[in-house]
Amino acid sequence: MKVYLGFNSGIGGQKIRVITGDSNKPLKHMERHSPTGFQWGYAGSGPADTALSILTDYLGYVPATVVYQTFKNDLIAPAGKKLEIDEDEIRFWFLSKYPEVHCVK
């Protein structure tokens, strides 16, 4: 089970870890909107990059803008100090929003 985990210090860009079994690595920042890095808890540029980076890691490809912006609004913007999203939650979200897509892990 893959889990994306971060704790918001409230200062600058945040770090997100990708945890899979015994593996624990930093999430690669797919910089498109925020040069300062990851953020969550609101609907700005940092949360957009967070959504883009998580979905790119999970899917294995860069998703369409509408997909990661919707993911940001639904799961990243409402997150509190702790961001924790697992692959089952992503799969459920993706299939509920885009049921016509059959290529989700």
PDB file of N, CA and C in Angstrom:
ATOM      1  N   MET A   1       0.849  -1.181   0.000  1.00  0.00           N
ATOM      2  CA  MET A   1       0.000   0.000   0.000  1.00  0.00           C
ATOM      3  C   MET A   1       0.890   1.237   0.000  1.00  0.00           C
ATOM      4  N   LYS A   2       0.694   2.089  -0.975  1.00  0.00           N
ATOM      5  CA  LYS A   2       1.448   3.340  -1.083  1.00  0.00           C
ATOM      6  C   LYS A   2       0.688   4.427  -0.332  1.00  0.00           C
ATOM      7  N   VAL A   3       1.428   5.210   0.486  1.00  0.00           N
ATOM      8  CA  VAL A   3       0.843   6.305   1.252  1.00  0.00           C
ATOM      9  C   VAL A   3       1.672   7.562   1.013  1.00  0.00           C
ATOM     10  N   TYR A   4       0.995   8.687   0.810  1.00  0.00           N
ATOM     11  CA  TYR A   4       1.625  10.004   0.672  1.00  0.00           C
ATOM     12  C   TYR A   4       1.393  10.734   1.990  1.00  0.00           C
ATOM     13  N   LEU A   5       2.489  11.131   2.656  1.00  0.00           N
ATOM     14  CA  LEU A   5       2.386  11.673   4.004  1.00  0.00           C
ATOM     15  C   LEU A   5       3.225  12.934   4.160  1.00  0.00           C
ATOM     16  N   GLY A   6       2.597  13.975   4.709  1.00  0.00           N
ATOM     17  CA  GLY A   6       3.303  15.221   4.974  1.00  0.00           C
ATOM     18  C   GLY A   6       2.718  15.913   6.187  1.00  0.00           C
ATOM     19  N   PHE A   7       3.558  16.691   6.866  1.00  0.00           N
ATOM     20  CA  PHE A   7       3.133  17.488   8.011  1.00  0.00           C
ATOM     21  C   PHE A   7       3.441  18.943   7.699  1.00  0.00           C
ATOM     22  N   ASN A   8       2.439  19.800   7.821  1.00  0.00           N
ATOM     23  CA  ASN A   8       2.561  21.202   7.447  1.00  0.00           C
ATOM     24  C   ASN A   8       3.086  22.030   8.609  1.00  0.00           C
ATOM     25  N   SER A   9       4.280  22.578   8.435  1.00  0.00           N
ATOM     26  CA  SER A   9       4.867  23.430   9.462  1.00  0.00           C
ATOM     27  C   SER A   9       4.333  24.854   9.367  1.00  0.00           C
ATOM     28  N   GLY A  10       3.647  25.171   8.252  1.00  0.00           N
ATOM     29  CA  GLY A  10       3.098  26.500   8.051  1.00  0.00           C
ATOM     30  C   GLY A  10       4.073  27.489   7.456  1.00  0.00           C
ATOM     31  N   ILE A  11       5.306  27.062   7.222  1.00  0.00           N
ATOM     32  CA  ILE A  11       6.338  27.957   6.696  1.00  0.00           C
ATOM     33  C   ILE A  11       6.884  27.382   5.390  1.00  0.00           C
ATOM     34  N   GLY A  12       6.696  28.095   4.289  1.00  0.00           N
ATOM     35  CA  GLY A  12       7.296  27.699   3.015  1.00  0.00           C
ATOM     36  C   GLY A  12       6.803  26.384   2.476  1.00  0.00           C
ATOM     37  N   GLY A  13       7.543  25.857   1.505  1.00  0.00           N
ATOM     38  CA  GLY A  13       7.206  24.578   0.896  1.00  0.00           C
ATOM     39  C   GLY A  13       7.384  23.440   1.877  1.00  0.00           C
ATOM     40  N   GLN A  14       6.531  22.448   1.759  1.00  0.00           N
ATOM     41  CA  GLN A  14       6.536  21.307   2.663  1.00  0.00           C
ATOM     42  C   GLN A  14       7.139  20.092   1.974  1.00  0.00           C
ATOM     43  N   LYS A  15       7.453  19.093   2.760  1.00  0.00           N
ATOM     44  CA  LYS A  15       7.966  17.830   2.236  1.00  0.00           C
ATOM     45  C   LYS A  15       6.870  16.776   2.353  1.00  0.00           C
ATOM     46  N   ILE A  16       6.795  15.934   1.331  1.00  0.00           N
ATOM     47  CA  ILE A  16       5.872  14.806   1.338  1.00  0.00           C
ATOM     48  C   ILE A  16       6.687  13.553   1.115  1.00  0.00           C
ATOM     49  N   ARG A  17       6.422  12.545   1.935  1.00  0.00           N
ATOM     50  CA  ARG A  17       7.095  11.259   1.823  1.00  0.00           C
ATOM     51  C   ARG A  17       6.168  10.268   1.141  1.00  0.00           C
ATOM     52  N   VAL A  18       6.750   9.394   0.329  1.00  0.00           N
ATOM     53  CA  VAL A  18       6.018   8.305  -0.301  1.00  0.00           C
ATOM     54  C   VAL A  18       6.444   7.037   0.436  1.00  0.00           C
ATOM     55  N   ILE A  19       5.494   6.425   1.113  1.00  0.00           N
ATOM     56  CA  ILE A  19       5.789   5.250   1.933  1.00  0.00           C
ATOM     57  C   ILE A  19       5.151   4.034   1.278  1.00  0.00           C
ATOM     58  N   THR A  20       5.991   3.053   0.984  1.00  0.00           N
ATOM     59  CA  THR A  20       5.538   1.804   0.381  1.00  0.00           C
ATOM     60  C   THR A  20       6.249   0.670   1.099  1.00  0.00           C
ATOM     61  N   GLY A  21       5.549  -0.062   1.931  1.00  0.00           N
ATOM     62  CA  GLY A  21       6.189  -1.137   2.683  1.00  0.00           C
ATOM     63  C   GLY A  21       7.325  -0.587   3.519  1.00  0.00           C
ATOM     64  N   ASP A  22       8.530  -1.083   3.285  1.00  0.00           N
ATOM     65  CA  ASP A  22       9.711  -0.617   4.011  1.00  0.00           C
ATOM     66  C   ASP A  22      10.368   0.590   3.359  1.00  0.00           C
ATOM     67  N   SER A  23       9.894   0.990   2.192  1.00  0.00           N
ATOM     68  CA  SER A  23      10.476   2.116   1.465  1.00  0.00           C
ATOM     69  C   SER A  23       9.850   3.434   1.930  1.00  0.00           C
ATOM     70  N   ASN A  24      10.691   4.446   2.033  1.00  0.00           N
ATOM     71  CA  ASN A  24      10.245   5.779   2.459  1.00  0.00           C
ATOM     72  C   ASN A  24      11.113   6.779   1.707  1.00  0.00           C
ATOM     73  N   LYS A  25      10.525   7.434   0.698  1.00  0.00           N
ATOM     74  CA  LYS A  25      11.305   8.355  -0.133  1.00  0.00           C
ATOM     75  C   LYS A  25      10.547   9.670  -0.292  1.00  0.00           C
ATOM     76  N   PRO A  26      11.262  10.736  -0.632  1.00  0.00           N
ATOM     77  CA  PRO A  26      10.565  12.003  -0.862  1.00  0.00           C
ATOM     78  C   PRO A  26       9.785  11.971  -2.177  1.00  0.00           C
ATOM     79  N   LEU A  27       8.643  12.620  -2.186  1.00  0.00           N
ATOM     80  CA  LEU A  27       7.864  12.766  -3.408  1.00  0.00           C
ATOM     81  C   LEU A  27       8.564  13.775  -4.311  1.00  0.00           C
ATOM     82  N   LYS A  28       8.709  13.428  -5.574  1.00  0.00           N
ATOM     83  CA  LYS A  28       9.325  14.329  -6.535  1.00  0.00           C
ATOM     84  C   LYS A  28       8.384  15.497  -6.815  1.00  0.00           C
ATOM     85  N   HIS A  29       8.925  16.710  -6.747  1.00  0.00           N
ATOM     86  CA  HIS A  29       8.129  17.909  -6.999  1.00  0.00           C
ATOM     87  C   HIS A  29       8.017  18.135  -8.500  1.00  0.00           C
ATOM     88  N   MET A  30       6.789  18.002  -9.009  1.00  0.00           N
ATOM     89  CA  MET A  30       6.496  18.308 -10.412  1.00  0.00           C
ATOM     90  C   MET A  30       6.139  19.787 -10.439  1.00  0.00           C
ATOM     91  N   GLU A  31       7.125  20.621 -10.684  1.00  0.00           N
ATOM     92  CA  GLU A  31       6.933  22.071 -10.593  1.00  0.00           C
ATOM     93  C   GLU A  31       6.218  22.618 -11.819  1.00  0.00           C
ATOM     94  N   ARG A  32       5.002  23.108 -11.608  1.00  0.00           N
ATOM     95  CA  ARG A  32       4.246  23.746 -12.670  1.00  0.00           C
ATOM     96  C   ARG A  32       3.698  25.096 -12.209  1.00  0.00           C
ATOM     97  N   HIS A  33       3.334  25.189 -10.938  1.00  0.00           N
ATOM     98  CA  HIS A  33       2.692  26.399 -10.425  1.00  0.00           C
ATOM     99  C   HIS A  33       3.473  27.052  -9.289  1.00  0.00           C
ATOM    100  N   SER A  34       4.180  26.263  -8.500  1.00  0.00           N
ATOM    101  CA  SER A  34       4.786  26.754  -7.268  1.00  0.00           C
ATOM    102  C   SER A  34       6.282  26.460  -7.203  1.00  0.00           C
ATOM    103  N   PRO A  35       7.125  27.458  -7.396  1.00  0.00           N
ATOM    104  CA  PRO A  35       8.566  27.226  -7.293  1.00  0.00           C
ATOM    105  C   PRO A  35       9.015  26.941  -5.858  1.00  0.00           C
ATOM    106  N   THR A  36       8.185  27.273  -4.869  1.00  0.00           N
ATOM    107  CA  THR A  36       8.579  27.035  -3.471  1.00  0.00           C
ATOM    108  C   THR A  36       8.207  25.649  -2.977  1.00  0.00           C
ATOM    109  N   GLY A  37       7.445  24.875  -3.739  1.00  0.00           N
ATOM    110  CA  GLY A  37       7.189  23.491  -3.366  1.00  0.00           C
ATOM    111  C   GLY A  37       5.775  23.182  -2.943  1.00  0.00           C
ATOM    112  N   PHE A  38       5.652  22.070  -2.212  1.00  0.00           N
ATOM    113  CA  PHE A  38       4.355  21.531  -1.824  1.00  0.00           C
ATOM    114  C   PHE A  38       3.685  22.365  -0.743  1.00  0.00           C
ATOM    115  N   GLN A  39       2.351  22.322  -0.779  1.00  0.00           N
ATOM    116  CA  GLN A  39       1.535  22.947   0.257  1.00  0.00           C
ATOM    117  C   GLN A  39       0.141  22.333   0.165  1.00  0.00           C
ATOM    118  N   TRP A  40      -0.649  22.481   1.206  1.00  0.00           N
ATOM    119  CA  TRP A  40      -2.030  21.993   1.212  1.00  0.00           C
ATOM    120  C   TRP A  40      -2.824  22.776   2.240  1.00  0.00           C
ATOM    121  N   GLY A  41      -4.151  22.573   2.230  1.00  0.00           N
ATOM    122  CA  GLY A  41      -5.014  23.274   3.165  1.00  0.00           C
ATOM    123  C   GLY A  41      -5.694  24.497   2.572  1.00  0.00           C
ATOM    124  N   TYR A  42      -5.474  24.754   1.305  1.00  0.00           N
ATOM    125  CA  TYR A  42      -6.125  25.838   0.571  1.00  0.00           C
ATOM    126  C   TYR A  42      -6.018  25.513  -0.914  1.00  0.00           C
ATOM    127  N   ALA A  43      -6.568  26.346  -1.774  1.00  0.00           N
ATOM    128  CA  ALA A  43      -6.625  26.025  -3.207  1.00  0.00           C
ATOM    129  C   ALA A  43      -5.689  26.908  -4.025  1.00  0.00           C
ATOM    130  N   GLY A  44      -4.407  26.953  -3.668  1.00  0.00           N
ATOM    131  CA  GLY A  44      -3.455  27.798  -4.372  1.00  0.00           C
ATOM    132  C   GLY A  44      -2.474  27.028  -5.234  1.00  0.00           C
ATOM    133  N   SER A  45      -1.357  27.689  -5.540  1.00  0.00           N
ATOM    134  CA  SER A  45      -0.359  27.095  -6.440  1.00  0.00           C
ATOM    135  C   SER A  45       0.410  25.942  -5.784  1.00  0.00           C
ATOM    136  N   GLY A  46       0.759  26.069  -4.520  1.00  0.00           N
ATOM    137  CA  GLY A  46       1.435  24.970  -3.821  1.00  0.00           C
ATOM    138  C   GLY A  46       0.585  23.712  -3.775  1.00  0.00           C
ATOM    139  N   PRO A  47      -0.708  23.822  -3.414  1.00  0.00           N
ATOM    140  CA  PRO A  47      -1.578  22.649  -3.465  1.00  0.00           C
ATOM    141  C   PRO A  47      -1.763  22.081  -4.881  1.00  0.00           C
ATOM    142  N   ALA A  48      -1.724  22.935  -5.896  1.00  0.00           N
ATOM    143  CA  ALA A  48      -1.820  22.435  -7.273  1.00  0.00           C
ATOM    144  C   ALA A  48      -0.623  21.550  -7.602  1.00  0.00           C
ATOM    145  N   ASP A  49       0.579  21.988  -7.219  1.00  0.00           N
ATOM    146  CA  ASP A  49       1.768  21.158  -7.453  1.00  0.00           C
ATOM    147  C   ASP A  49       1.731  19.890  -6.612  1.00  0.00           C
ATOM    148  N   THR A  50       1.171  19.963  -5.419  1.00  0.00           N
ATOM    149  CA  THR A  50       1.027  18.768  -4.581  1.00  0.00           C
ATOM    150  C   THR A  50       0.135  17.756  -5.286  1.00  0.00           C
ATOM    151  N   ALA A  51      -1.015  18.207  -5.773  1.00  0.00           N
ATOM    152  CA  ALA A  51      -1.936  17.321  -6.485  1.00  0.00           C
ATOM    153  C   ALA A  51      -1.294  16.738  -7.734  1.00  0.00           C
ATOM    154  N   LEU A  52      -0.647  17.587  -8.517  1.00  0.00           N
ATOM    155  CA  LEU A  52       0.023  17.139  -9.738  1.00  0.00           C
ATOM    156  C   LEU A  52       1.091  16.096  -9.420  1.00  0.00           C
ATOM    157  N   SER A  53       1.890  16.343  -8.408  1.00  0.00           N
ATOM    158  CA  SER A  53       2.995  15.444  -8.060  1.00  0.00           C
ATOM    159  C   SER A  53       2.497  14.101  -7.542  1.00  0.00           C
ATOM    160  N   ILE A  54       1.476  14.113  -6.679  1.00  0.00           N
ATOM    161  CA  ILE A  54       0.930  12.857  -6.158  1.00  0.00           C
ATOM    162  C   ILE A  54       0.325  12.040  -7.285  1.00  0.00           C
ATOM    163  N   LEU A  55      -0.495  12.667  -8.122  1.00  0.00           N
ATOM    164  CA  LEU A  55      -1.126  11.909  -9.206  1.00  0.00           C
ATOM    165  C   LEU A  55      -0.118  11.417 -10.232  1.00  0.00           C
ATOM    166  N   THR A  56       0.904  12.201 -10.522  1.00  0.00           N
ATOM    167  CA  THR A  56       1.937  11.751 -11.459  1.00  0.00           C
ATOM    168  C   THR A  56       2.668  10.537 -10.896  1.00  0.00           C
ATOM    169  N   ASP A  57       3.001  10.576  -9.609  1.00  0.00           N
ATOM    170  CA  ASP A  57       3.662   9.428  -8.985  1.00  0.00           C
ATOM    171  C   ASP A  57       2.745   8.209  -8.998  1.00  0.00           C
ATOM    172  N   TYR A  58       1.502   8.398  -8.644  1.00  0.00           N
ATOM    173  CA  TYR A  58       0.557   7.291  -8.560  1.00  0.00           C
ATOM    174  C   TYR A  58       0.248   6.697  -9.936  1.00  0.00           C
ATOM    175  N   LEU A  59      -0.052   7.557 -10.913  1.00  0.00           N
ATOM    176  CA  LEU A  59      -0.462   7.081 -12.237  1.00  0.00           C
ATOM    177  C   LEU A  59       0.710   6.655 -13.112  1.00  0.00           C
ATOM    178  N   GLY A  60       1.875   7.261 -12.902  1.00  0.00           N
ATOM    179  CA  GLY A  60       3.022   6.974 -13.745  1.00  0.00           C
ATOM    180  C   GLY A  60       3.087   7.872 -14.964  1.00  0.00           C
ATOM    181  N   TYR A  61       2.206   8.849 -15.043  1.00  0.00           N
ATOM    182  CA  TYR A  61       2.219   9.824 -16.137  1.00  0.00           C
ATOM    183  C   TYR A  61       1.595  11.119 -15.628  1.00  0.00           C
ATOM    184  N   VAL A  62       1.825  12.212 -16.345  1.00  0.00           N
ATOM    185  CA  VAL A  62       1.296  13.518 -15.952  1.00  0.00           C
ATOM    186  C   VAL A  62      -0.174  13.590 -16.361  1.00  0.00           C
ATOM    187  N   PRO A  63      -1.082  13.787 -15.392  1.00  0.00           N
ATOM    188  CA  PRO A  63      -2.502  13.847 -15.714  1.00  0.00           C
ATOM    189  C   PRO A  63      -2.896  15.189 -16.336  1.00  0.00           C
ATOM    190  N   ALA A  64      -4.059  15.219 -16.951  1.00  0.00           N
ATOM    191  CA  ALA A  64      -4.590  16.454 -17.532  1.00  0.00           C
ATOM    192  C   ALA A  64      -4.826  17.489 -16.431  1.00  0.00           C
ATOM    193  N   THR A  65      -4.741  18.753 -16.797  1.00  0.00           N
ATOM    194  CA  THR A  65      -4.912  19.847 -15.842  1.00  0.00           C
ATOM    195  C   THR A  65      -6.226  19.738 -15.089  1.00  0.00           C
ATOM    196  N   VAL A  66      -7.305  19.446 -15.776  1.00  0.00           N
ATOM    197  CA  VAL A  66      -8.601  19.368 -15.102  1.00  0.00           C
ATOM    198  C   VAL A  66      -8.607  18.267 -14.035  1.00  0.00           C
ATOM    199  N   VAL A  67      -7.888  17.182 -14.272  1.00  0.00           N
ATOM    200  CA  VAL A  67      -7.847  16.063 -13.325  1.00  0.00           C
ATOM    201  C   VAL A  67      -7.123  16.481 -12.050  1.00  0.00           C
ATOM    202  N   TYR A  68      -5.906  17.018 -12.155  1.00  0.00           N
ATOM    203  CA  TYR A  68      -5.191  17.335 -10.925  1.00  0.00           C
ATOM    204  C   TYR A  68      -5.761  18.545 -10.209  1.00  0.00           C
ATOM    205  N   GLN A  69      -6.379  19.475 -10.944  1.00  0.00           N
ATOM    206  CA  GLN A  69      -7.015  20.615 -10.270  1.00  0.00           C
ATOM    207  C   GLN A  69      -8.256  20.153  -9.494  1.00  0.00           C
ATOM    208  N   THR A  70      -9.000  19.221 -10.035  1.00  0.00           N
ATOM    209  CA  THR A  70     -10.153  18.670  -9.320  1.00  0.00           C
ATOM    210  C   THR A  70      -9.690  17.881  -8.106  1.00  0.00           C
ATOM    211  N   PHE A  71      -8.630  17.101  -8.252  1.00  0.00           N
ATOM    212  CA  PHE A  71      -8.039  16.354  -7.131  1.00  0.00           C
ATOM    213  C   PHE A  71      -7.598  17.334  -6.039  1.00  0.00           C
ATOM    214  N   LYS A  72      -6.978  18.427  -6.443  1.00  0.00           N
ATOM    215  CA  LYS A  72      -6.561  19.466  -5.491  1.00  0.00           C
ATOM    216  C   LYS A  72      -7.761  19.979  -4.716  1.00  0.00           C
ATOM    217  N   ASN A  73      -8.815  20.350  -5.423  1.00  0.00           N
ATOM    218  CA  ASN A  73      -9.999  20.904  -4.765  1.00  0.00           C
ATOM    219  C   ASN A  73     -10.675  19.904  -3.834  1.00  0.00           C
ATOM    220  N   ASP A  74     -10.701  18.637  -4.224  1.00  0.00           N
ATOM    221  CA  ASP A  74     -11.409  17.619  -3.449  1.00  0.00           C
ATOM    222  C   ASP A  74     -10.598  17.061  -2.278  1.00  0.00           C
ATOM    223  N   LEU A  75      -9.288  16.858  -2.450  1.00  0.00           N
ATOM    224  CA  LEU A  75      -8.506  16.163  -1.425  1.00  0.00           C
ATOM    225  C   LEU A  75      -7.350  16.956  -0.829  1.00  0.00           C
ATOM    226  N   ILE A  76      -6.759  17.853  -1.579  1.00  0.00           N
ATOM    227  CA  ILE A  76      -5.580  18.578  -1.094  1.00  0.00           C
ATOM    228  C   ILE A  76      -5.981  19.862  -0.354  1.00  0.00           C
ATOM    229  N   ALA A  77      -6.859  20.643  -0.941  1.00  0.00           N
ATOM    230  CA  ALA A  77      -7.277  21.910  -0.313  1.00  0.00           C
ATOM    231  C   ALA A  77      -7.926  21.713   1.053  1.00  0.00           C
ATOM    232  N   PRO A  78      -8.749  20.684   1.257  1.00  0.00           N
ATOM    233  CA  PRO A  78      -9.379  20.526   2.571  1.00  0.00           C
ATOM    234  C   PRO A  78      -8.471  19.909   3.650  1.00  0.00           C
ATOM    235  N   ALA A  79      -7.291  19.444   3.270  1.00  0.00           N
ATOM    236  CA  ALA A  79      -6.415  18.775   4.244  1.00  0.00           C
ATOM    237  C   ALA A  79      -5.991  19.732   5.349  1.00  0.00           C
ATOM    238  N   GLY A  80      -5.814  19.188   6.531  1.00  0.00           N
ATOM    239  CA  GLY A  80      -5.360  19.976   7.670  1.00  0.00           C
ATOM    240  C   GLY A  80      -3.846  19.991   7.763  1.00  0.00           C
ATOM    241  N   LYS A  81      -3.334  20.073   8.964  1.00  0.00           N
ATOM    242  CA  LYS A  81      -1.888  20.118   9.176  1.00  0.00           C
ATOM    243  C   LYS A  81      -1.197  18.856   8.650  1.00  0.00           C
ATOM    244  N   LYS A  82      -1.873  17.728   8.792  1.00  0.00           N
ATOM    245  CA  LYS A  82      -1.329  16.456   8.311  1.00  0.00           C
ATOM    246  C   LYS A  82      -1.999  16.085   6.995  1.00  0.00           C
ATOM    247  N   LEU A  83      -1.194  15.812   5.983  1.00  0.00           N
ATOM    248  CA  LEU A  83      -1.687  15.314   4.698  1.00  0.00           C
ATOM    249  C   LEU A  83      -1.367  13.827   4.649  1.00  0.00           C
ATOM    250  N   GLU A  84      -2.388  13.015   4.502  1.00  0.00           N
ATOM    251  CA  GLU A  84      -2.183  11.569   4.394  1.00  0.00           C
ATOM    252  C   GLU A  84      -3.205  11.017   3.419  1.00  0.00           C
ATOM    253  N   ILE A  85      -2.708  10.551   2.293  1.00  0.00           N
ATOM    254  CA  ILE A  85      -3.562  10.010   1.239  1.00  0.00           C
ATOM    255  C   ILE A  85      -2.961   8.685   0.793  1.00  0.00           C
ATOM    256  N   ASP A  86      -3.781   7.640   0.774  1.00  0.00           N
ATOM    257  CA  ASP A  86      -3.255   6.346   0.327  1.00  0.00           C
ATOM    258  C   ASP A  86      -3.804   6.005  -1.056  1.00  0.00           C
ATOM    259  N   GLU A  87      -3.229   4.979  -1.649  1.00  0.00           N
ATOM    260  CA  GLU A  87      -3.579   4.634  -3.023  1.00  0.00           C
ATOM    261  C   GLU A  87      -5.029   4.178  -3.166  1.00  0.00           C
ATOM    262  N   ASP A  88      -5.614   3.584  -2.132  1.00  0.00           N
ATOM    263  CA  ASP A  88      -7.029   3.207  -2.211  1.00  0.00           C
ATOM    264  C   ASP A  88      -7.917   4.441  -2.296  1.00  0.00           C
ATOM    265  N   GLU A  89      -7.578   5.478  -1.531  1.00  0.00           N
ATOM    266  CA  GLU A  89      -8.333   6.727  -1.561  1.00  0.00           C
ATOM    267  C   GLU A  89      -8.220   7.397  -2.936  1.00  0.00           C
ATOM    268  N   ILE A  90      -7.014   7.364  -3.506  1.00  0.00           N
ATOM    269  CA  ILE A  90      -6.823   7.945  -4.845  1.00  0.00           C
ATOM    270  C   ILE A  90      -7.625   7.164  -5.876  1.00  0.00           C
ATOM    271  N   ARG A  91      -7.552   5.851  -5.820  1.00  0.00           N
ATOM    272  CA  ARG A  91      -8.275   5.009  -6.776  1.00  0.00           C
ATOM    273  C   ARG A  91      -9.781   5.262  -6.667  1.00  0.00           C
ATOM    274  N   PHE A  92     -10.311   5.281  -5.448  1.00  0.00           N
ATOM    275  CA  PHE A  92     -11.734   5.535  -5.243  1.00  0.00           C
ATOM    276  C   PHE A  92     -12.127   6.910  -5.789  1.00  0.00           C
ATOM    277  N   TRP A  93     -11.326   7.930  -5.474  1.00  0.00           N
ATOM    278  CA  TRP A  93     -11.607   9.281  -5.954  1.00  0.00           C
ATOM    279  C   TRP A  93     -11.616   9.302  -7.482  1.00  0.00           C
ATOM    280  N   PHE A  94     -10.569   8.741  -8.073  1.00  0.00           N
ATOM    281  CA  PHE A  94     -10.414   8.787  -9.524  1.00  0.00           C
ATOM    282  C   PHE A  94     -11.581   8.097 -10.217  1.00  0.00           C
ATOM    283  N   LEU A  95     -11.933   6.910  -9.765  1.00  0.00           N
ATOM    284  CA  LEU A  95     -13.010   6.163 -10.414  1.00  0.00           C
ATOM    285  C   LEU A  95     -14.378   6.788 -10.171  1.00  0.00           C
ATOM    286  N   SER A  96     -14.555   7.486  -9.053  1.00  0.00           N
ATOM    287  CA  SER A  96     -15.829   8.160  -8.814  1.00  0.00           C
ATOM    288  C   SER A  96     -15.968   9.419  -9.681  1.00  0.00           C
ATOM    289  N   LYS A  97     -14.860  10.081  -9.987  1.00  0.00           N
ATOM    290  CA  LYS A  97     -14.884  11.284 -10.829  1.00  0.00           C
ATOM    291  C   LYS A  97     -14.827  10.964 -12.316  1.00  0.00           C
ATOM    292  N   TYR A  98     -14.075   9.931 -12.667  1.00  0.00           N
ATOM    293  CA  TYR A  98     -13.841   9.591 -14.074  1.00  0.00           C
ATOM    294  C   TYR A  98     -14.093   8.095 -14.299  1.00  0.00           C
ATOM    295  N   PRO A  99     -15.339   7.632 -14.146  1.00  0.00           N
ATOM    296  CA  PRO A  99     -15.626   6.197 -14.237  1.00  0.00           C
ATOM    297  C   PRO A  99     -15.355   5.598 -15.621  1.00  0.00           C
ATOM    298  N   GLU A 100     -15.293   6.453 -16.633  1.00  0.00           N
ATOM    299  CA  GLU A 100     -15.049   5.954 -17.988  1.00  0.00           C
ATOM    300  C   GLU A 100     -13.589   5.556 -18.218  1.00  0.00           C
ATOM    301  N   VAL A 101     -12.700   5.955 -17.302  1.00  0.00           N
ATOM    302  CA  VAL A 101     -11.279   5.653 -17.442  1.00  0.00           C
ATOM    303  C   VAL A 101     -11.003   4.306 -16.773  1.00  0.00           C
ATOM    304  N   HIS A 102     -10.416   3.389 -17.506  1.00  0.00           N
ATOM    305  CA  HIS A 102     -10.187   2.030 -16.990  1.00  0.00           C
ATOM    306  C   HIS A 102      -8.716   1.718 -16.781  1.00  0.00           C
ATOM    307  N   CYS A 103      -7.866   2.745 -16.808  1.00  0.00           N
ATOM    308  CA  CYS A 103      -6.434   2.498 -16.716  1.00  0.00           C
ATOM    309  C   CYS A 103      -5.871   2.848 -15.336  1.00  0.00           C
ATOM    310  N   VAL A 104      -6.741   3.052 -14.346  1.00  0.00           N
ATOM    311  CA  VAL A 104      -6.271   3.388 -13.004  1.00  0.00           C
ATOM    312  C   VAL A 104      -5.800   2.125 -12.311  1.00  0.00           C
ATOM    313  N   LYS A 105      -4.674   2.213 -11.633  1.00  0.00           N
ATOM    314  CA  LYS A 105      -4.075   1.066 -10.942  1.00  0.00           C
ATOM    315  C   LYS A 105      -5.036   0.455  -9.947  1.00  0.00           C
TER     316      LYS A 105
END
